[in-house]
N, C-alpha and C. Protein backbone atom coordinates (compact mmCIF):
# COMPACT_ATOMS: atom_id res chain seq x y z
N MET A 1 -36.61 18.06 -29.46
CA MET A 1 -37.62 17.08 -29.10
C MET A 1 -37.53 16.82 -27.62
N SER A 2 -38.65 16.67 -26.97
CA SER A 2 -38.69 16.44 -25.53
C SER A 2 -38.35 14.99 -25.22
N SER A 3 -37.62 14.78 -24.11
CA SER A 3 -37.29 13.42 -23.71
C SER A 3 -38.37 12.85 -22.79
N ASP A 4 -39.35 13.67 -22.42
CA ASP A 4 -40.44 13.22 -21.57
C ASP A 4 -41.47 12.50 -22.42
N PRO A 5 -41.64 11.18 -22.20
CA PRO A 5 -42.59 10.43 -23.02
C PRO A 5 -44.04 10.86 -22.82
N GLY A 6 -44.33 11.51 -21.69
CA GLY A 6 -45.69 11.98 -21.43
C GLY A 6 -45.95 13.38 -21.93
N ALA A 7 -44.94 14.04 -22.50
CA ALA A 7 -45.09 15.43 -22.94
C ALA A 7 -46.18 15.57 -23.99
N SER A 8 -46.23 14.64 -24.94
CA SER A 8 -47.24 14.71 -25.99
C SER A 8 -48.64 14.55 -25.39
N ALA A 9 -48.79 13.63 -24.46
CA ALA A 9 -50.09 13.43 -23.82
C ALA A 9 -50.50 14.66 -23.03
N LYS A 10 -49.54 15.30 -22.36
CA LYS A 10 -49.84 16.51 -21.59
C LYS A 10 -50.29 17.64 -22.51
N ARG A 11 -49.63 17.78 -23.66
CA ARG A 11 -50.01 18.81 -24.63
C ARG A 11 -51.42 18.53 -25.16
N THR A 12 -51.69 17.26 -25.45
CA THR A 12 -53.01 16.89 -25.97
C THR A 12 -54.09 17.17 -24.93
N LEU A 13 -53.83 16.83 -23.67
CA LEU A 13 -54.79 17.10 -22.61
C LEU A 13 -54.99 18.60 -22.44
N GLY A 14 -53.92 19.37 -22.56
CA GLY A 14 -54.02 20.83 -22.49
C GLY A 14 -54.89 21.38 -23.60
N ARG A 15 -54.73 20.84 -24.80
CA ARG A 15 -55.57 21.27 -25.94
C ARG A 15 -57.03 20.91 -25.70
N ALA A 16 -57.27 19.74 -25.14
CA ALA A 16 -58.64 19.32 -24.85
C ALA A 16 -59.27 20.25 -23.82
N ARG A 17 -58.53 20.61 -22.76
CA ARG A 17 -59.06 21.52 -21.75
C ARG A 17 -59.38 22.88 -22.37
N GLU A 18 -58.49 23.37 -23.23
CA GLU A 18 -58.73 24.65 -23.90
C GLU A 18 -59.99 24.59 -24.76
N SER A 19 -60.20 23.47 -25.42
CA SER A 19 -61.39 23.31 -26.26
C SER A 19 -62.66 23.32 -25.42
N VAL A 20 -62.64 22.63 -24.28
CA VAL A 20 -63.80 22.63 -23.39
C VAL A 20 -64.04 24.04 -22.86
N GLN A 21 -62.97 24.76 -22.53
CA GLN A 21 -63.12 26.14 -22.07
C GLN A 21 -63.77 27.00 -23.16
N LYS A 22 -63.36 26.81 -24.40
CA LYS A 22 -63.93 27.58 -25.51
C LYS A 22 -65.42 27.27 -25.69
N ILE A 23 -65.81 26.02 -25.46
CA ILE A 23 -67.23 25.68 -25.55
C ILE A 23 -68.00 26.41 -24.46
N HIS A 24 -67.46 26.42 -23.23
CA HIS A 24 -68.12 27.14 -22.15
C HIS A 24 -68.18 28.65 -22.44
N GLN A 25 -67.12 29.20 -22.99
CA GLN A 25 -67.13 30.62 -23.32
C GLN A 25 -68.18 30.92 -24.39
N ALA A 26 -68.32 30.02 -25.36
CA ALA A 26 -69.35 30.19 -26.39
C ALA A 26 -70.74 30.09 -25.76
N ALA A 27 -70.89 29.21 -24.79
CA ALA A 27 -72.18 29.07 -24.11
C ALA A 27 -72.56 30.37 -23.40
N ILE A 28 -71.57 31.00 -22.78
CA ILE A 28 -71.82 32.28 -22.10
C ILE A 28 -72.16 33.36 -23.13
N ARG A 29 -71.36 33.43 -24.18
CA ARG A 29 -71.54 34.46 -25.20
C ARG A 29 -72.91 34.33 -25.87
N HIS A 30 -73.33 33.10 -26.14
CA HIS A 30 -74.59 32.87 -26.85
C HIS A 30 -75.76 32.57 -25.91
N ARG A 31 -75.45 32.59 -24.62
CA ARG A 31 -76.49 32.29 -23.61
C ARG A 31 -77.19 30.98 -23.94
N ASP A 32 -76.37 29.95 -24.15
CA ASP A 32 -76.88 28.64 -24.56
C ASP A 32 -76.51 27.59 -23.52
N PRO A 33 -77.41 27.27 -22.60
CA PRO A 33 -77.09 26.28 -21.57
C PRO A 33 -76.81 24.89 -22.15
N GLY A 34 -77.30 24.62 -23.35
CA GLY A 34 -77.02 23.34 -23.99
C GLY A 34 -75.54 23.14 -24.25
N LEU A 35 -74.84 24.23 -24.60
CA LEU A 35 -73.39 24.13 -24.81
C LEU A 35 -72.67 23.84 -23.50
N HIS A 36 -73.12 24.45 -22.40
CA HIS A 36 -72.54 24.11 -21.09
C HIS A 36 -72.72 22.62 -20.81
N GLN A 37 -73.91 22.12 -21.08
CA GLN A 37 -74.20 20.71 -20.83
C GLN A 37 -73.29 19.80 -21.65
N LEU A 38 -73.09 20.14 -22.93
CA LEU A 38 -72.21 19.34 -23.78
C LEU A 38 -70.77 19.36 -23.27
N ALA A 39 -70.29 20.54 -22.87
CA ALA A 39 -68.93 20.63 -22.35
C ALA A 39 -68.80 19.84 -21.05
N ASP A 40 -69.84 19.89 -20.19
CA ASP A 40 -69.83 19.11 -18.96
C ASP A 40 -69.77 17.61 -19.27
N GLU A 41 -70.52 17.18 -20.28
CA GLU A 41 -70.52 15.77 -20.66
C GLU A 41 -69.14 15.34 -21.15
N ILE A 42 -68.49 16.18 -21.93
CA ILE A 42 -67.13 15.87 -22.40
C ILE A 42 -66.20 15.74 -21.20
N SER A 43 -66.31 16.66 -20.24
CA SER A 43 -65.46 16.62 -19.05
C SER A 43 -65.72 15.37 -18.24
N GLU A 44 -66.99 14.97 -18.11
CA GLU A 44 -67.33 13.75 -17.36
C GLU A 44 -66.73 12.52 -18.02
N VAL A 45 -66.79 12.45 -19.36
CA VAL A 45 -66.20 11.33 -20.07
C VAL A 45 -64.68 11.31 -19.83
N ALA A 46 -64.06 12.47 -19.90
CA ALA A 46 -62.61 12.54 -19.65
C ALA A 46 -62.28 12.04 -18.25
N LEU A 47 -63.10 12.43 -17.27
CA LEU A 47 -62.87 11.98 -15.90
C LEU A 47 -63.00 10.47 -15.78
N THR A 48 -63.97 9.87 -16.46
CA THR A 48 -64.13 8.42 -16.39
C THR A 48 -62.95 7.71 -17.05
N LEU A 49 -62.28 8.38 -17.97
CA LEU A 49 -61.10 7.82 -18.61
C LEU A 49 -59.82 8.11 -17.83
N GLY A 50 -59.98 8.80 -16.69
CA GLY A 50 -58.83 9.07 -15.83
C GLY A 50 -58.12 10.39 -16.10
N HIS A 51 -58.76 11.29 -16.84
CA HIS A 51 -58.15 12.58 -17.14
C HIS A 51 -58.82 13.68 -16.32
N ASP A 52 -58.02 14.54 -15.76
CA ASP A 52 -58.53 15.65 -14.96
C ASP A 52 -59.07 16.74 -15.87
N ALA A 53 -60.31 17.16 -15.61
CA ALA A 53 -60.92 18.21 -16.42
C ALA A 53 -60.40 19.59 -16.05
N GLY A 54 -59.66 19.70 -14.96
CA GLY A 54 -59.16 20.99 -14.50
C GLY A 54 -60.19 21.67 -13.62
N PRO A 55 -59.82 22.79 -13.05
CA PRO A 55 -60.73 23.50 -12.15
C PRO A 55 -61.88 24.16 -12.91
N VAL A 56 -63.08 23.61 -12.76
CA VAL A 56 -64.21 24.08 -13.54
C VAL A 56 -64.57 25.53 -13.28
N GLN A 57 -64.31 26.03 -12.07
CA GLN A 57 -64.69 27.41 -11.78
C GLN A 57 -63.91 28.41 -12.63
N GLU A 58 -62.80 28.00 -13.23
CA GLU A 58 -62.02 28.90 -14.07
C GLU A 58 -62.67 29.13 -15.43
N TRP A 59 -63.47 28.18 -15.89
CA TRP A 59 -64.03 28.31 -17.22
C TRP A 59 -65.54 28.24 -17.27
N ARG A 60 -66.15 28.38 -16.11
CA ARG A 60 -67.59 28.22 -16.07
C ARG A 60 -68.26 29.34 -15.28
N ALA A 61 -69.34 29.84 -15.79
CA ALA A 61 -70.13 30.81 -15.03
C ALA A 61 -70.80 30.07 -13.88
N CYS A 62 -71.07 30.76 -12.79
CA CYS A 62 -71.71 30.13 -11.64
C CYS A 62 -73.18 29.89 -11.94
N PRO A 63 -73.66 28.65 -11.74
CA PRO A 63 -75.08 28.37 -11.99
C PRO A 63 -76.01 28.97 -10.92
N VAL A 64 -75.44 29.42 -9.79
CA VAL A 64 -76.25 29.99 -8.71
C VAL A 64 -76.41 31.50 -8.88
N CYS A 65 -75.27 32.21 -9.01
CA CYS A 65 -75.34 33.68 -9.02
C CYS A 65 -74.99 34.29 -10.38
N GLY A 66 -74.52 33.47 -11.32
CA GLY A 66 -74.19 33.97 -12.65
C GLY A 66 -72.85 34.65 -12.76
N ALA A 67 -71.99 34.52 -11.73
CA ALA A 67 -70.65 35.12 -11.80
C ALA A 67 -69.91 34.58 -13.02
N GLU A 68 -69.26 35.47 -13.73
CA GLU A 68 -68.54 35.10 -14.95
C GLU A 68 -67.28 34.29 -14.61
N PRO A 69 -66.77 33.51 -15.58
CA PRO A 69 -65.55 32.75 -15.34
C PRO A 69 -64.42 33.65 -14.85
N GLY A 70 -63.71 33.16 -13.85
CA GLY A 70 -62.58 33.90 -13.30
C GLY A 70 -62.94 34.88 -12.21
N SER A 71 -64.24 35.12 -11.97
CA SER A 71 -64.63 36.07 -10.92
C SER A 71 -65.25 35.31 -9.75
N ASN A 72 -65.19 35.92 -8.58
CA ASN A 72 -65.77 35.31 -7.38
C ASN A 72 -67.28 35.38 -7.43
N CYS A 73 -67.90 34.46 -6.69
CA CYS A 73 -69.36 34.42 -6.61
C CYS A 73 -69.88 35.51 -5.67
N VAL A 74 -71.13 35.85 -5.87
CA VAL A 74 -71.83 36.83 -5.05
C VAL A 74 -72.71 36.06 -4.07
N ARG A 75 -72.71 36.49 -2.82
CA ARG A 75 -73.55 35.82 -1.82
C ARG A 75 -75.01 35.86 -2.24
N THR A 76 -75.66 34.73 -2.13
CA THR A 76 -77.06 34.58 -2.51
C THR A 76 -77.79 33.89 -1.35
N PRO A 77 -78.95 34.40 -0.94
CA PRO A 77 -79.67 33.77 0.16
C PRO A 77 -79.89 32.28 -0.08
N GLY A 78 -79.60 31.49 0.95
CA GLY A 78 -79.81 30.05 0.87
C GLY A 78 -78.69 29.27 0.22
N HIS A 79 -77.63 29.97 -0.19
CA HIS A 79 -76.51 29.28 -0.85
C HIS A 79 -75.20 29.67 -0.17
N GLU A 80 -74.46 28.66 0.24
CA GLU A 80 -73.19 28.84 0.91
C GLU A 80 -72.11 29.23 -0.10
N VAL A 81 -71.17 30.08 0.33
CA VAL A 81 -70.01 30.44 -0.49
C VAL A 81 -68.77 29.93 0.23
N VAL A 82 -67.96 29.15 -0.46
CA VAL A 82 -66.73 28.58 0.11
C VAL A 82 -65.56 29.04 -0.74
N ASP A 83 -64.60 29.72 -0.11
CA ASP A 83 -63.42 30.23 -0.82
C ASP A 83 -63.82 31.07 -2.05
N GLY A 84 -64.87 31.87 -1.89
CA GLY A 84 -65.29 32.76 -2.96
C GLY A 84 -66.14 32.13 -4.04
N MET A 85 -66.49 30.85 -3.87
CA MET A 85 -67.26 30.14 -4.90
C MET A 85 -68.44 29.40 -4.26
N HIS A 86 -69.54 29.34 -4.99
CA HIS A 86 -70.63 28.45 -4.59
C HIS A 86 -70.19 27.02 -4.90
N PRO A 87 -70.42 26.07 -4.00
CA PRO A 87 -70.02 24.69 -4.27
C PRO A 87 -70.62 24.13 -5.57
N GLU A 88 -71.79 24.61 -5.94
CA GLU A 88 -72.41 24.14 -7.20
C GLU A 88 -71.57 24.50 -8.42
N ARG A 89 -70.81 25.55 -8.32
CA ARG A 89 -69.97 25.99 -9.45
C ARG A 89 -68.79 25.07 -9.67
N THR A 90 -68.33 24.45 -8.61
CA THR A 90 -67.13 23.63 -8.71
C THR A 90 -67.44 22.17 -9.00
N ARG A 91 -68.70 21.82 -9.13
CA ARG A 91 -69.09 20.45 -9.45
C ARG A 91 -69.44 20.34 -10.92
N LEU A 92 -69.10 19.21 -11.49
CA LEU A 92 -69.52 18.95 -12.88
C LEU A 92 -70.91 18.38 -12.88
């Protein structure tokens, strides 16, 4: 048993992040923007409760260029790329 009293909360938060990632992956697989919206709403609620949703670019396709999760964005006219990502991709 862990002596860290926050270990259980960290595991629970990790499970929640994995679940949100799975929703985003399903949204990509089924080409369903509504699922992305639902996952974003869950992440926003978590943030208002003080929980970090994690780096969204890891589990989200880019809304500007369509880059898949885990890949860098492609330059698109009229859209800035910062550290390999469109800023729109990193916002909830």
